[in-house]
Amino acid sequence: MAMSDLLSPEEIKAAVGAFSVAESFCYKKFFEIMGLKKKSQEDVKKVFHILDKDQSGFIEEDELKFVLKGFTPDGRDLSDKETKALLVAGDKDGDGKIGIDEFITLVAES
């Protein structure tokens, strides 16, 4: 399954483009522009599984760095600072990675 099966190409382009400048990423605005918050919990789970590149059941820090590329190959890499901020926001249990329930909560809180 591709991200474009779940989200419109226009929303993806707008959301990724809004954060094309380094150190500009804000996950709350990103999820809002993407329209992800309005999606069903099932669709949010599908997005999680696409972003979980190694299919470990978690989105680890090294996967978070490339989160924009998970939506489109044109996306930039997040800086270390942006990656850490996203991890801190999503990692509710402090294990250093984001599980599916934590991802659902992260999207809902945005």
PDB file of N, CA and C in Angstrom:
ATOM      1  N   MET A   1       0.847  -1.182   0.000  1.00  0.00           N
ATOM      2  CA  MET A   1       0.000   0.000   0.000  1.00  0.00           C
ATOM      3  C   MET A   1       0.891   1.243   0.000  1.00  0.00           C
ATOM      4  N   ALA A   2       0.492   2.206  -0.773  1.00  0.00           N
ATOM      5  CA  ALA A   2       1.231   3.474  -0.859  1.00  0.00           C
ATOM      6  C   ALA A   2       0.493   4.556  -0.085  1.00  0.00           C
ATOM      7  N   MET A   3       1.229   5.558   0.315  1.00  0.00           N
ATOM      8  CA  MET A   3       0.639   6.675   1.048  1.00  0.00           C
ATOM      9  C   MET A   3      -0.465   7.329   0.216  1.00  0.00           C
ATOM     10  N   SER A   4      -0.271   7.377  -1.102  1.00  0.00           N
ATOM     11  CA  SER A   4      -1.266   8.012  -1.983  1.00  0.00           C
ATOM     12  C   SER A   4      -2.570   7.217  -2.069  1.00  0.00           C
ATOM     13  N   ASP A   5      -2.576   5.981  -1.556  1.00  0.00           N
ATOM     14  CA  ASP A   5      -3.822   5.213  -1.470  1.00  0.00           C
ATOM     15  C   ASP A   5      -4.675   5.696  -0.299  1.00  0.00           C
ATOM     16  N   LEU A   6      -4.050   6.387   0.644  1.00  0.00           N
ATOM     17  CA  LEU A   6      -4.736   6.834   1.854  1.00  0.00           C
ATOM     18  C   LEU A   6      -4.966   8.343   1.898  1.00  0.00           C
ATOM     19  N   LEU A   7      -4.042   9.089   1.293  1.00  0.00           N
ATOM     20  CA  LEU A   7      -4.085  10.552   1.345  1.00  0.00           C
ATOM     21  C   LEU A   7      -3.987  11.110  -0.068  1.00  0.00           C
ATOM     22  N   SER A   8      -4.587  12.259  -0.275  1.00  0.00           N
ATOM     23  CA  SER A   8      -4.559  12.828  -1.622  1.00  0.00           C
ATOM     24  C   SER A   8      -3.171  13.353  -1.965  1.00  0.00           C
ATOM     25  N   PRO A   9      -2.774  13.217  -3.219  1.00  0.00           N
ATOM     26  CA  PRO A   9      -1.473  13.746  -3.640  1.00  0.00           C
ATOM     27  C   PRO A   9      -1.333  15.242  -3.364  1.00  0.00           C
ATOM     28  N   GLU A  10      -2.424  15.978  -3.459  1.00  0.00           N
ATOM     29  CA  GLU A  10      -2.395  17.419  -3.195  1.00  0.00           C
ATOM     30  C   GLU A  10      -2.071  17.706  -1.731  1.00  0.00           C
ATOM     31  N   GLU A  11      -2.704  16.948  -0.824  1.00  0.00           N
ATOM     32  CA  GLU A  11      -2.442  17.133   0.607  1.00  0.00           C
ATOM     33  C   GLU A  11      -1.002  16.741   0.951  1.00  0.00           C
ATOM     34  N   ILE A  12      -0.540  15.660   0.365  1.00  0.00           N
ATOM     35  CA  ILE A  12       0.834  15.220   0.609  1.00  0.00           C
ATOM     36  C   ILE A  12       1.818  16.292   0.142  1.00  0.00           C
ATOM     37  N   LYS A  13       1.614  16.776  -1.076  1.00  0.00           N
ATOM     38  CA  LYS A  13       2.513  17.792  -1.632  1.00  0.00           C
ATOM     39  C   LYS A  13       2.498  19.064  -0.785  1.00  0.00           C
ATOM     40  N   ALA A  14       1.313  19.498  -0.373  1.00  0.00           N
ATOM     41  CA  ALA A  14       1.190  20.716   0.431  1.00  0.00           C
ATOM     42  C   ALA A  14       1.867  20.552   1.790  1.00  0.00           C
ATOM     43  N   ALA A  15       1.653  19.411   2.428  1.00  0.00           N
ATOM     44  CA  ALA A  15       2.211  19.189   3.765  1.00  0.00           C
ATOM     45  C   ALA A  15       3.728  19.065   3.731  1.00  0.00           C
ATOM     46  N   VAL A  16       4.248  18.290   2.802  1.00  0.00           N
ATOM     47  CA  VAL A  16       5.699  18.121   2.715  1.00  0.00           C
ATOM     48  C   VAL A  16       6.348  19.432   2.273  1.00  0.00           C
ATOM     49  N   GLY A  17       5.709  20.135   1.339  1.00  0.00           N
ATOM     50  CA  GLY A  17       6.241  21.410   0.861  1.00  0.00           C
ATOM     51  C   GLY A  17       6.270  22.490   1.922  1.00  0.00           C
ATOM     52  N   ALA A  18       5.322  22.438   2.843  1.00  0.00           N
ATOM     53  CA  ALA A  18       5.254  23.446   3.907  1.00  0.00           C
ATOM     54  C   ALA A  18       6.459  23.381   4.842  1.00  0.00           C
ATOM     55  N   PHE A  19       7.148  22.241   4.840  1.00  0.00           N
ATOM     56  CA  PHE A  19       8.279  22.056   5.749  1.00  0.00           C
ATOM     57  C   PHE A  19       9.556  21.711   4.993  1.00  0.00           C
ATOM     58  N   SER A  20       9.697  22.295   3.819  1.00  0.00           N
ATOM     59  CA  SER A  20      10.867  22.009   2.982  1.00  0.00           C
ATOM     60  C   SER A  20      12.146  22.667   3.503  1.00  0.00           C
ATOM     61  N   VAL A  21      11.995  23.683   4.335  1.00  0.00           N
ATOM     62  CA  VAL A  21      13.155  24.383   4.898  1.00  0.00           C
ATOM     63  C   VAL A  21      13.604  23.661   6.177  1.00  0.00           C
ATOM     64  N   ALA A  22      14.897  23.462   6.313  1.00  0.00           N
ATOM     65  CA  ALA A  22      15.441  22.797   7.498  1.00  0.00           C
ATOM     66  C   ALA A  22      15.003  23.505   8.776  1.00  0.00           C
ATOM     67  N   GLU A  23      14.760  22.725   9.804  1.00  0.00           N
ATOM     68  CA  GLU A  23      14.353  23.210  11.131  1.00  0.00           C
ATOM     69  C   GLU A  23      12.962  23.855  11.145  1.00  0.00           C
ATOM     70  N   SER A  24      12.147  23.562  10.141  1.00  0.00           N
ATOM     71  CA  SER A  24      10.800  24.144  10.089  1.00  0.00           C
ATOM     72  C   SER A  24       9.697  23.141  10.436  1.00  0.00           C
ATOM     73  N   PHE A  25      10.049  21.868  10.648  1.00  0.00           N
ATOM     74  CA  PHE A  25       9.040  20.824  10.813  1.00  0.00           C
ATOM     75  C   PHE A  25       8.273  20.965  12.123  1.00  0.00           C
ATOM     76  N   CYS A  26       6.954  20.897  12.009  1.00  0.00           N
ATOM     77  CA  CYS A  26       6.043  20.893  13.156  1.00  0.00           C
ATOM     78  C   CYS A  26       5.038  19.773  12.912  1.00  0.00           C
ATOM     79  N   TYR A  27       5.128  18.706  13.686  1.00  0.00           N
ATOM     80  CA  TYR A  27       4.277  17.552  13.424  1.00  0.00           C
ATOM     81  C   TYR A  27       2.788  17.892  13.505  1.00  0.00           C
ATOM     82  N   LYS A  28       2.398  18.790  14.399  1.00  0.00           N
ATOM     83  CA  LYS A  28       0.980  19.139  14.526  1.00  0.00           C
ATOM     84  C   LYS A  28       0.457  19.777  13.237  1.00  0.00           C
ATOM     85  N   LYS A  29       1.196  20.746  12.726  1.00  0.00           N
ATOM     86  CA  LYS A  29       0.787  21.387  11.471  1.00  0.00           C
ATOM     87  C   LYS A  29       0.870  20.405  10.308  1.00  0.00           C
ATOM     88  N   PHE A  30       1.898  19.558  10.320  1.00  0.00           N
ATOM     89  CA  PHE A  30       2.071  18.571   9.255  1.00  0.00           C
ATOM     90  C   PHE A  30       0.862  17.650   9.172  1.00  0.00           C
ATOM     91  N   PHE A  31       0.461  17.073  10.304  1.00  0.00           N
ATOM     92  CA  PHE A  31      -0.684  16.164  10.312  1.00  0.00           C
ATOM     93  C   PHE A  31      -1.973  16.894   9.939  1.00  0.00           C
ATOM     94  N   GLU A  32      -2.078  18.162  10.336  1.00  0.00           N
ATOM     95  CA  GLU A  32      -3.260  18.960  10.001  1.00  0.00           C
ATOM     96  C   GLU A  32      -3.347  19.210   8.495  1.00  0.00           C
ATOM     97  N   ILE A  33      -2.250  19.683   7.911  1.00  0.00           N
ATOM     98  CA  ILE A  33      -2.240  19.954   6.468  1.00  0.00           C
ATOM     99  C   ILE A  33      -2.470  18.659   5.691  1.00  0.00           C
ATOM    100  N   MET A  34      -1.889  17.576   6.173  1.00  0.00           N
ATOM    101  CA  MET A  34      -1.992  16.277   5.520  1.00  0.00           C
ATOM    102  C   MET A  34      -3.417  15.733   5.562  1.00  0.00           C
ATOM    103  N   GLY A  35      -4.218  16.219   6.500  1.00  0.00           N
ATOM    104  CA  GLY A  35      -5.574  15.711   6.655  1.00  0.00           C
ATOM    105  C   GLY A  35      -5.616  14.401   7.428  1.00  0.00           C
ATOM    106  N   LEU A  36      -4.500  14.037   8.057  1.00  0.00           N
ATOM    107  CA  LEU A  36      -4.397  12.753   8.748  1.00  0.00           C
ATOM    108  C   LEU A  36      -5.290  12.694   9.984  1.00  0.00           C
ATOM    109  N   LYS A  37      -5.435  13.821  10.651  1.00  0.00           N
ATOM    110  CA  LYS A  37      -6.245  13.851  11.870  1.00  0.00           C
ATOM    111  C   LYS A  37      -7.711  13.518  11.587  1.00  0.00           C
ATOM    112  N   LYS A  38      -8.161  13.811  10.376  1.00  0.00           N
ATOM    113  CA  LYS A  38      -9.555  13.550  10.004  1.00  0.00           C
ATOM    114  C   LYS A  38      -9.790  12.110   9.552  1.00  0.00           C
ATOM    115  N   LYS A  39      -8.704  11.368   9.381  1.00  0.00           N
ATOM    116  CA  LYS A  39      -8.815   9.990   8.907  1.00  0.00           C
ATOM    117  C   LYS A  39      -9.264   9.063  10.037  1.00  0.00           C
ATOM    118  N   SER A  40      -9.803   7.917   9.643  1.00  0.00           N
ATOM    119  CA  SER A  40     -10.224   6.919  10.627  1.00  0.00           C
ATOM    120  C   SER A  40      -9.001   6.330  11.330  1.00  0.00           C
ATOM    121  N   GLN A  41      -9.236   5.728  12.473  1.00  0.00           N
ATOM    122  CA  GLN A  41      -8.154   5.096  13.214  1.00  0.00           C
ATOM    123  C   GLN A  41      -7.511   3.992  12.363  1.00  0.00           C
ATOM    124  N   GLU A  42      -8.308   3.314  11.569  1.00  0.00           N
ATOM    125  CA  GLU A  42      -7.770   2.266  10.685  1.00  0.00           C
ATOM    126  C   GLU A  42      -6.817   2.854   9.653  1.00  0.00           C
ATOM    127  N   ASP A  43      -7.173   4.005   9.081  1.00  0.00           N
ATOM    128  CA  ASP A  43      -6.290   4.643   8.108  1.00  0.00           C
ATOM    129  C   ASP A  43      -5.002   5.136   8.769  1.00  0.00           C
ATOM    130  N   VAL A  44      -5.109   5.652   9.985  1.00  0.00           N
ATOM    131  CA  VAL A  44      -3.918   6.103  10.719  1.00  0.00           C
ATOM    132  C   VAL A  44      -3.004   4.896  10.985  1.00  0.00           C
ATOM    133  N   LYS A  45      -3.587   3.754  11.309  1.00  0.00           N
ATOM    134  CA  LYS A  45      -2.792   2.536  11.504  1.00  0.00           C
ATOM    135  C   LYS A  45      -2.082   2.142  10.210  1.00  0.00           C
ATOM    136  N   LYS A  46      -2.755   2.287   9.086  1.00  0.00           N
ATOM    137  CA  LYS A  46      -2.138   1.953   7.800  1.00  0.00           C
ATOM    138  C   LYS A  46      -0.958   2.882   7.516  1.00  0.00           C
ATOM    139  N   VAL A  47      -1.109   4.160   7.833  1.00  0.00           N
ATOM    140  CA  VAL A  47       0.000   5.110   7.668  1.00  0.00           C
ATOM    141  C   VAL A  47       1.169   4.690   8.557  1.00  0.00           C
ATOM    142  N   PHE A  48       0.868   4.315   9.800  1.00  0.00           N
ATOM    143  CA  PHE A  48       1.912   3.844  10.712  1.00  0.00           C
ATOM    144  C   PHE A  48       2.701   2.697  10.100  1.00  0.00           C
ATOM    145  N   HIS A  49       1.992   1.719   9.545  1.00  0.00           N
ATOM    146  CA  HIS A  49       2.662   0.542   8.983  1.00  0.00           C
ATOM    147  C   HIS A  49       3.521   0.902   7.773  1.00  0.00           C
ATOM    148  N   ILE A  50       3.124   1.897   7.020  1.00  0.00           N
ATOM    149  CA  ILE A  50       3.949   2.353   5.896  1.00  0.00           C
ATOM    150  C   ILE A  50       5.221   3.016   6.416  1.00  0.00           C
ATOM    151  N   LEU A  51       5.107   3.808   7.468  1.00  0.00           N
ATOM    152  CA  LEU A  51       6.263   4.505   8.033  1.00  0.00           C
ATOM    153  C   LEU A  51       7.200   3.565   8.800  1.00  0.00           C
ATOM    154  N   ASP A  52       6.668   2.457   9.286  1.00  0.00           N
ATOM    155  CA  ASP A  52       7.464   1.452  10.003  1.00  0.00           C
ATOM    156  C   ASP A  52       8.188   0.591   8.960  1.00  0.00           C
ATOM    157  N   LYS A  53       9.240   1.153   8.409  1.00  0.00           N
ATOM    158  CA  LYS A  53       9.940   0.543   7.268  1.00  0.00           C
ATOM    159  C   LYS A  53      10.452  -0.865   7.547  1.00  0.00           C
ATOM    160  N   ASP A  54      10.941  -1.114   8.775  1.00  0.00           N
ATOM    161  CA  ASP A  54      11.488  -2.445   9.069  1.00  0.00           C
ATOM    162  C   ASP A  54      10.426  -3.406   9.625  1.00  0.00           C
ATOM    163  N   GLN A  55       9.182  -2.935   9.686  1.00  0.00           N
ATOM    164  CA  GLN A  55       8.039  -3.742  10.143  1.00  0.00           C
ATOM    165  C   GLN A  55       8.273  -4.351  11.531  1.00  0.00           C
ATOM    166  N   SER A  56       8.918  -3.570  12.399  1.00  0.00           N
ATOM    167  CA  SER A  56       9.197  -4.030  13.758  1.00  0.00           C
ATOM    168  C   SER A  56       8.014  -3.824  14.703  1.00  0.00           C
ATOM    169  N   GLY A  57       7.025  -3.061  14.237  1.00  0.00           N
ATOM    170  CA  GLY A  57       5.907  -2.716  15.112  1.00  0.00           C
ATOM    171  C   GLY A  57       6.128  -1.394  15.824  1.00  0.00           C
ATOM    172  N   PHE A  58       7.259  -0.756  15.518  1.00  0.00           N
ATOM    173  CA  PHE A  58       7.606   0.533  16.105  1.00  0.00           C
ATOM    174  C   PHE A  58       8.231   1.423  15.035  1.00  0.00           C
ATOM    175  N   ILE A  59       8.082   2.727  15.220  1.00  0.00           N
ATOM    176  CA  ILE A  59       8.815   3.682  14.400  1.00  0.00           C
ATOM    177  C   ILE A  59       9.965   4.168  15.272  1.00  0.00           C
ATOM    178  N   GLU A  60      11.166   3.735  14.915  1.00  0.00           N
ATOM    179  CA  GLU A  60      12.349   4.090  15.679  1.00  0.00           C
ATOM    180  C   GLU A  60      12.915   5.418  15.196  1.00  0.00           C
ATOM    181  N   GLU A  61      13.868   5.946  15.954  1.00  0.00           N
ATOM    182  CA  GLU A  61      14.449   7.251  15.657  1.00  0.00           C
ATOM    183  C   GLU A  61      15.020   7.319  14.238  1.00  0.00           C
ATOM    184  N   ASP A  62      15.684   6.252  13.794  1.00  0.00           N
ATOM    185  CA  ASP A  62      16.259   6.279  12.450  1.00  0.00           C
ATOM    186  C   ASP A  62      15.181   6.310  11.364  1.00  0.00           C
ATOM    187  N   GLU A  63      14.004   5.765  11.646  1.00  0.00           N
ATOM    188  CA  GLU A  63      12.887   5.837  10.696  1.00  0.00           C
ATOM    189  C   GLU A  63      12.229   7.218  10.744  1.00  0.00           C
ATOM    190  N   LEU A  64      12.184   7.824  11.922  1.00  0.00           N
ATOM    191  CA  LEU A  64      11.587   9.159  12.058  1.00  0.00           C
ATOM    192  C   LEU A  64      12.336  10.197  11.233  1.00  0.00           C
ATOM    193  N   LYS A  65      13.642  10.068  11.144  1.00  0.00           N
ATOM    194  CA  LYS A  65      14.464  11.021  10.390  1.00  0.00           C
ATOM    195  C   LYS A  65      13.980  11.144   8.947  1.00  0.00           C
ATOM    196  N   PHE A  66      13.424  10.041   8.419  1.00  0.00           N
ATOM    197  CA  PHE A  66      12.993  10.000   7.022  1.00  0.00           C
ATOM    198  C   PHE A  66      11.464  10.031   6.879  1.00  0.00           C
ATOM    199  N   VAL A  67      10.787  10.526   7.907  1.00  0.00           N
ATOM    200  CA  VAL A  67       9.323  10.485   7.911  1.00  0.00           C
ATOM    201  C   VAL A  67       8.714  11.234   6.722  1.00  0.00           C
ATOM    202  N   LEU A  68       9.291  12.356   6.315  1.00  0.00           N
ATOM    203  CA  LEU A  68       8.733  13.089   5.172  1.00  0.00           C
ATOM    204  C   LEU A  68       8.880  12.283   3.891  1.00  0.00           C
ATOM    205  N   LYS A  69       9.964  11.547   3.771  1.00  0.00           N
ATOM    206  CA  LYS A  69      10.161  10.679   2.600  1.00  0.00           C
ATOM    207  C   LYS A  69       9.192   9.506   2.617  1.00  0.00           C
ATOM    208  N   GLY A  70       8.657   9.194   3.786  1.00  0.00           N
ATOM    209  CA  GLY A  70       7.639   8.149   3.882  1.00  0.00           C
ATOM    210  C   GLY A  70       6.346   8.553   3.197  1.00  0.00           C
ATOM    211  N   PHE A  71       6.151   9.856   3.056  1.00  0.00           N
ATOM    212  CA  PHE A  71       4.958  10.363   2.394  1.00  0.00           C
ATOM    213  C   PHE A  71       5.203  10.625   0.913  1.00  0.00           C
ATOM    214  N   THR A  72       6.413  11.036   0.563  1.00  0.00           N
ATOM    215  CA  THR A  72       6.787  11.269  -0.829  1.00  0.00           C
ATOM    216  C   THR A  72       8.311  11.219  -0.956  1.00  0.00           C
ATOM    217  N   PRO A  73       8.820  10.635  -2.026  1.00  0.00           N
ATOM    218  CA  PRO A  73      10.279  10.569  -2.203  1.00  0.00           C
ATOM    219  C   PRO A  73      10.936  11.952  -2.270  1.00  0.00           C
ATOM    220  N   ASP A  74      10.142  12.985  -2.557  1.00  0.00           N
ATOM    221  CA  ASP A  74      10.665  14.350  -2.647  1.00  0.00           C
ATOM    222  C   ASP A  74      10.890  14.989  -1.282  1.00  0.00           C
ATOM    223  N   GLY A  75      10.426  14.344  -0.223  1.00  0.00           N
ATOM    224  CA  GLY A  75      10.564  14.917   1.112  1.00  0.00           C
ATOM    225  C   GLY A  75      12.014  14.966   1.559  1.00  0.00           C
ATOM    226  N   ARG A  76      12.307  15.932   2.429  1.00  0.00           N
ATOM    227  CA  ARG A  76      13.677  16.056   2.950  1.00  0.00           C
ATOM    228  C   ARG A  76      13.825  15.212   4.210  1.00  0.00           C
ATOM    229  N   ASP A  77      15.061  14.986   4.600  1.00  0.00           N
ATOM    230  CA  ASP A  77      15.341  14.329   5.875  1.00  0.00           C
ATOM    231  C   ASP A  77      15.122  15.353   6.990  1.00  0.00           C
ATOM    232  N   LEU A  78      14.587  14.907   8.110  1.00  0.00           N
ATOM    233  CA  LEU A  78      14.488  15.781   9.273  1.00  0.00           C
ATOM    234  C   LEU A  78      15.878  15.947   9.873  1.00  0.00           C
ATOM    235  N   SER A  79      16.115  17.098  10.472  1.00  0.00           N
ATOM    236  CA  SER A  79      17.376  17.310  11.193  1.00  0.00           C
ATOM    237  C   SER A  79      17.350  16.451  12.460  1.00  0.00           C
ATOM    238  N   ASP A  80      18.494  16.305  13.085  1.00  0.00           N
ATOM    239  CA  ASP A  80      18.552  15.553  14.345  1.00  0.00           C
ATOM    240  C   ASP A  80      17.652  16.196  15.390  1.00  0.00           C
ATOM    241  N   LYS A  81      17.645  17.525  15.438  1.00  0.00           N
ATOM    242  CA  LYS A  81      16.815  18.257  16.405  1.00  0.00           C
ATOM    243  C   LYS A  81      15.325  18.003  16.146  1.00  0.00           C
ATOM    244  N   GLU A  82      14.908  18.053  14.879  1.00  0.00           N
ATOM    245  CA  GLU A  82      13.499  17.809  14.530  1.00  0.00           C
ATOM    246  C   GLU A  82      13.114  16.361  14.836  1.00  0.00           C
ATOM    247  N   THR A  83      14.026  15.440  14.545  1.00  0.00           N
ATOM    248  CA  THR A  83      13.769  14.020  14.804  1.00  0.00           C
ATOM    249  C   THR A  83      13.571  13.775  16.292  1.00  0.00           C
ATOM    250  N   LYS A  84      14.456  14.339  17.107  1.00  0.00           N
ATOM    251  CA  LYS A  84      14.356  14.175  18.570  1.00  0.00           C
ATOM    252  C   LYS A  84      13.053  14.773  19.101  1.00  0.00           C
ATOM    253  N   ALA A  85      12.672  15.939  18.582  1.00  0.00           N
ATOM    254  CA  ALA A  85      11.439  16.590  19.031  1.00  0.00           C
ATOM    255  C   ALA A  85      10.217  15.728  18.698  1.00  0.00           C
ATOM    256  N   LEU A  86      10.214  15.133  17.513  1.00  0.00           N
ATOM    257  CA  LEU A  86       9.110  14.264  17.120  1.00  0.00           C
ATOM    258  C   LEU A  86       9.088  13.010  17.985  1.00  0.00           C
ATOM    259  N   LEU A  87      10.240  12.454  18.263  1.00  0.00           N
ATOM    260  CA  LEU A  87      10.316  11.265  19.114  1.00  0.00           C
ATOM    261  C   LEU A  87       9.815  11.571  20.523  1.00  0.00           C
ATOM    262  N   VAL A  88      10.248  12.676  21.084  1.00  0.00           N
ATOM    263  CA  VAL A  88       9.811  13.065  22.435  1.00  0.00           C
ATOM    264  C   VAL A  88       8.286  13.252  22.468  1.00  0.00           C
ATOM    265  N   ALA A  89       7.736  13.874  21.427  1.00  0.00           N
ATOM    266  CA  ALA A  89       6.287  14.114  21.377  1.00  0.00           C
ATOM    267  C   ALA A  89       5.505  12.808  21.282  1.00  0.00           C
ATOM    268  N   GLY A  90       6.032  11.848  20.541  1.00  0.00           N
ATOM    269  CA  GLY A  90       5.279  10.618  20.298  1.00  0.00           C
ATOM    270  C   GLY A  90       5.556   9.481  21.260  1.00  0.00           C
ATOM    271  N   ASP A  91       6.721   9.450  21.874  1.00  0.00           N
ATOM    272  CA  ASP A  91       7.134   8.346  22.737  1.00  0.00           C
ATOM    273  C   ASP A  91       6.580   8.535  24.143  1.00  0.00           C
ATOM    274  N   LYS A  92       5.366   8.091  24.349  1.00  0.00           N
ATOM    275  CA  LYS A  92       4.673   8.319  25.626  1.00  0.00           C
ATOM    276  C   LYS A  92       5.202   7.437  26.760  1.00  0.00           C
ATOM    277  N   ASP A  93       5.729   6.244  26.424  1.00  0.00           N
ATOM    278  CA  ASP A  93       6.178   5.344  27.484  1.00  0.00           C
ATOM    279  C   ASP A  93       7.688   5.391  27.713  1.00  0.00           C
ATOM    280  N   GLY A  94       8.390   6.240  26.966  1.00  0.00           N
ATOM    281  CA  GLY A  94       9.807   6.455  27.206  1.00  0.00           C
ATOM    282  C   GLY A  94      10.736   5.340  26.768  1.00  0.00           C
ATOM    283  N   ASP A  95      10.278   4.477  25.842  1.00  0.00           N
ATOM    284  CA  ASP A  95      11.135   3.367  25.415  1.00  0.00           C
ATOM    285  C   ASP A  95      12.016   3.709  24.206  1.00  0.00           C
ATOM    286  N   GLY A  96      11.960   4.957  23.752  1.00  0.00           N
ATOM    287  CA  GLY A  96      12.830   5.384  22.659  1.00  0.00           C
ATOM    288  C   GLY A  96      12.300   5.090  21.271  1.00  0.00           C
ATOM    289  N   LYS A  97      11.037   4.729  21.171  1.00  0.00           N
ATOM    290  CA  LYS A  97      10.412   4.460  19.878  1.00  0.00           C
ATOM    291  C   LYS A  97       8.920   4.711  19.989  1.00  0.00           C
ATOM    292  N   ILE A  98       8.260   4.805  18.840  1.00  0.00           N
ATOM    293  CA  ILE A  98       6.830   5.110  18.814  1.00  0.00           C
ATOM    294  C   ILE A  98       6.070   3.868  18.348  1.00  0.00           C
ATOM    295  N   GLY A  99       5.221   3.359  19.234  1.00  0.00           N
ATOM    296  CA  GLY A  99       4.369   2.222  18.905  1.00  0.00           C
ATOM    297  C   GLY A  99       3.099   2.700  18.209  1.00  0.00           C
ATOM    298  N   ILE A 100       2.308   1.769  17.755  1.00  0.00           N
ATOM    299  CA  ILE A 100       1.117   2.118  16.985  1.00  0.00           C
ATOM    300  C   ILE A 100       0.121   2.936  17.811  1.00  0.00           C
ATOM    301  N   ASP A 101      -0.084   2.565  19.068  1.00  0.00           N
ATOM    302  CA  ASP A 101      -1.019   3.321  19.910  1.00  0.00           C
ATOM    303  C   ASP A 101      -0.490   4.729  20.182  1.00  0.00           C
ATOM    304  N   GLU A 102       0.825   4.838  20.360  1.00  0.00           N
ATOM    305  CA  GLU A 102       1.438   6.151  20.572  1.00  0.00           C
ATOM    306  C   GLU A 102       1.284   7.013  19.313  1.00  0.00           C
ATOM    307  N   PHE A 103       1.411   6.395  18.141  1.00  0.00           N
ATOM    308  CA  PHE A 103       1.257   7.136  16.885  1.00  0.00           C
ATOM    309  C   PHE A 103      -0.180   7.634  16.734  1.00  0.00           C
ATOM    310  N   ILE A 104      -1.141   6.786  17.050  1.00  0.00           N
ATOM    311  CA  ILE A 104      -2.554   7.184  16.978  1.00  0.00           C
ATOM    312  C   ILE A 104      -2.801   8.374  17.913  1.00  0.00           C
ATOM    313  N   THR A 105      -2.243   8.316  19.122  1.00  0.00           N
ATOM    314  CA  THR A 105      -2.384   9.410  20.085  1.00  0.00           C
ATOM    315  C   THR A 105      -1.711  10.675  19.569  1.00  0.00           C
ATOM    316  N   LEU A 106      -0.506  10.539  18.998  1.00  0.00           N
ATOM    317  CA  LEU A 106       0.233  11.682  18.450  1.00  0.00           C
ATOM    318  C   LEU A 106      -0.580  12.391  17.385  1.00  0.00           C
ATOM    319  N   VAL A 107      -1.186  11.618  16.493  1.00  0.00           N
ATOM    320  CA  VAL A 107      -2.015  12.213  15.425  1.00  0.00           C
ATOM    321  C   VAL A 107      -3.251  12.859  16.026  1.00  0.00           C
ATOM    322  N   ALA A 108      -3.914  12.189  16.959  1.00  0.00           N
ATOM    323  CA  ALA A 108      -5.132  12.738  17.575  1.00  0.00           C
ATOM    324  C   ALA A 108      -4.877  14.021  18.338  1.00  0.00           C
ATOM    325  N   GLU A 109      -3.691  14.146  18.957  1.00  0.00           N
ATOM    326  CA  GLU A 109      -3.353  15.336  19.739  1.00  0.00           C
ATOM    327  C   GLU A 109      -2.931  16.505  18.872  1.00  0.00           C
ATOM    328  N   SER A 110      -2.705  16.256  17.603  1.00  0.00           N
ATOM    329  CA  SER A 110      -2.208  17.328  16.729  1.00  0.00           C
ATOM    330  C   SER A 110      -3.304  18.285  16.330  1.00  0.00           C
TER     331      SER A 110
END
